[in-house]
């Protein structure tokens, strides 16, 4: 059984925790008439960088041959990447993953050895989107059979985030002004502004980034116009509390 001292300590801890939560909320919102608004800023851009992820997979009953084929294909892929102007620092390759593969034989009711599977994951950072389709086709032509996808990015993301943040501030000010005008009250000074919403409170108004060289001769099987990068949205939020005069 717990002692009286233990029960007192638990009760005191619970009281302090609830008191802290109340004080935190009280500090976030003033004990006076106020408006709580959300401002959103969004910048839409065409991505200029692509993170291409794929895997090299080889299979053979002889493990040594399976590994050699994987190493040869890896070397060819790195060579292709460099031909497309991708720097060595923008090429990331994992260690080899080796797995023994089997299948179940319904007749013998035993697992039958099929061979060895050797796999290596690779990521390439392409900084010239006009070469994306050609790069992927060259990789497929070289023997790549597993494409994990492409993550579209903007190289100047820090600058775009700043721009979206300023738009969010302007939007928050406008929302506060419109709300005050609608209720026929005078908007006072700014009490609090943050990128984090106040827990348990819903602001008036109103998404973080949502985010996936022409060669002298195109690789075989390339289909022009098969890929368009589209656009990505860089979004920032601002949560502001204004006093009402």
Foldseek 3Di string as FASTA:
>chain_A
DDDPVVVVVVVVVVVVVVVVLVVVLCLVADPAAKAKAKFKFKDKDQFQKKKWKAKQKFWDQDPVVRVVVSVVLVVVLVVLLVVLVFDPVQKDKDDKDKDWDWDADPVVRDTHTDTMMIMMMMIGMDRGVVCVLLSVVVSVVSPTDTTPFMKTHHPPLVVRLVVRVVNRVVRRVVQRVVVCVVVVFAWAAWSDKDQDDRPPDDHPDDDAWDIGDDDPDGDPPGDPPPDDRGIIMGMGMMMTMIHTD
